[in-house]
Protein backbone atom coordinates (compact mmCIF):
# COMPACT_ATOMS: atom_id res chain seq x y z
CA MET A 1 -9.22 11.05 -28.82
CA ASP A 2 -12.58 12.52 -29.63
CA ILE A 3 -16.02 11.50 -28.46
CA LYS A 4 -18.37 11.27 -31.46
CA VAL A 5 -22.00 12.33 -30.93
CA GLU A 6 -24.53 11.66 -33.70
CA LYS A 7 -28.25 11.74 -34.38
CA LEU A 8 -29.00 8.54 -36.30
CA ALA A 9 -32.18 7.61 -38.15
CA LYS A 10 -34.17 4.69 -36.72
CA ARG A 11 -33.32 2.61 -39.80
CA ASP A 12 -29.60 3.08 -39.03
CA LEU A 13 -30.11 2.07 -35.40
CA ASP A 14 -32.13 -0.95 -36.56
CA SER A 15 -29.43 -1.98 -39.05
CA MET A 16 -26.90 -2.09 -36.19
CA ASP A 17 -29.42 -3.98 -34.01
CA VAL A 18 -28.98 -1.32 -31.29
CA PHE A 19 -32.24 -2.16 -29.52
CA SER A 20 -31.00 -5.69 -28.75
CA TRP A 21 -27.86 -4.38 -27.00
CA PRO A 22 -27.75 -4.53 -23.17
CA ILE A 23 -29.08 -1.59 -21.16
CA TRP A 24 -27.09 0.35 -18.55
CA GLU A 25 -28.71 2.72 -16.04
CA LYS A 26 -27.10 5.15 -13.61
CA GLU A 27 -28.37 7.78 -11.19
CA VAL A 28 -27.16 11.37 -10.98
CA SER A 29 -23.48 11.09 -10.07
CA ARG A 30 -19.92 12.01 -10.98
CA PHE A 31 -17.09 9.50 -11.51
CA ASP A 32 -13.80 8.84 -13.32
CA TRP A 33 -13.81 6.36 -16.22
CA CYS A 34 -11.34 4.81 -18.67
CA TYR A 35 -12.37 2.95 -21.83
CA ASN A 36 -10.46 -0.30 -22.37
CA ASP A 37 -12.40 -0.86 -25.61
CA GLU A 38 -14.40 1.34 -27.96
CA GLU A 39 -17.97 1.78 -26.73
CA ARG A 40 -20.95 2.70 -28.88
CA CYS A 41 -24.18 3.59 -27.12
CA TYR A 42 -27.65 5.00 -27.73
CA PHE A 43 -29.20 7.17 -25.02
CA LEU A 44 -32.82 6.44 -24.17
CA ALA A 45 -32.87 8.95 -21.30
CA GLY A 46 -30.66 11.28 -19.33
CA LYS A 47 -28.25 14.20 -19.65
CA VAL A 48 -24.49 13.81 -19.32
CA THR A 49 -21.39 15.95 -19.62
CA VAL A 50 -18.13 14.06 -20.11
CA GLU A 51 -14.90 15.91 -19.33
CA THR A 52 -11.67 14.98 -21.12
CA LYS A 53 -8.25 16.61 -21.40
CA ASN A 54 -9.57 18.24 -24.62
CA GLY A 55 -12.67 19.79 -23.01
CA LYS A 56 -16.29 18.88 -22.30
CA VAL A 57 -18.88 17.08 -24.42
CA SER A 58 -22.58 16.99 -23.52
CA PHE A 59 -25.23 14.60 -24.82
CA GLY A 60 -28.45 12.86 -23.82
CA LYS A 61 -31.70 11.30 -24.98
CA GLY A 62 -31.66 10.44 -28.68
CA ASP A 63 -27.89 10.69 -29.10
CA PHE A 64 -25.69 7.91 -30.48
CA VAL A 65 -22.28 8.28 -28.88
CA THR A 66 -18.95 6.58 -29.63
CA PHE A 67 -16.19 6.61 -27.01
CA PRO A 68 -12.71 5.70 -28.32
CA LYS A 69 -10.57 2.96 -26.79
CA GLY A 70 -8.10 4.41 -24.28
CA LEU A 71 -10.16 7.50 -23.44
CA LYS A 72 -9.79 8.72 -19.84
CA CYS A 73 -12.59 10.98 -18.68
CA VAL A 74 -14.94 12.11 -15.94
CA TRP A 75 -18.65 11.41 -16.29
CA ASP A 76 -20.97 14.05 -14.80
CA ILE A 77 -24.51 12.68 -14.96
CA LYS A 78 -27.00 15.55 -14.65
CA GLU A 79 -30.18 13.48 -15.17
CA PRO A 80 -30.51 9.69 -14.68
CA VAL A 81 -29.16 7.73 -17.65
CA ARG A 82 -30.64 4.78 -19.50
CA LYS A 83 -28.72 3.63 -22.58
CA HIS A 84 -28.12 0.69 -24.91
CA TYR A 85 -24.41 -0.06 -25.15
CA ASN A 86 -21.97 -2.23 -27.08
CA PHE A 87 -18.21 -2.67 -26.66
CA ARG A 88 -16.00 -3.68 -29.56
């Protein structure tokens, strides 16, 4: 299960209506997480490293990230996060 990190053009974000999705915010912290559904999100702020059994993936402001359903990981938030998110 791979985490997909992309840089999308504003027109692509607009076509998915990303800016109407709910916003999630979190302070600097470290915690375990498991995805029961696929999550797509767009980072407005922050820096994060997510650790999985396959290694580490880092991302932050301006990244569009897709987390696969069933992924078990550890979030390590280096700078406070603010992101739009959508589960499907």
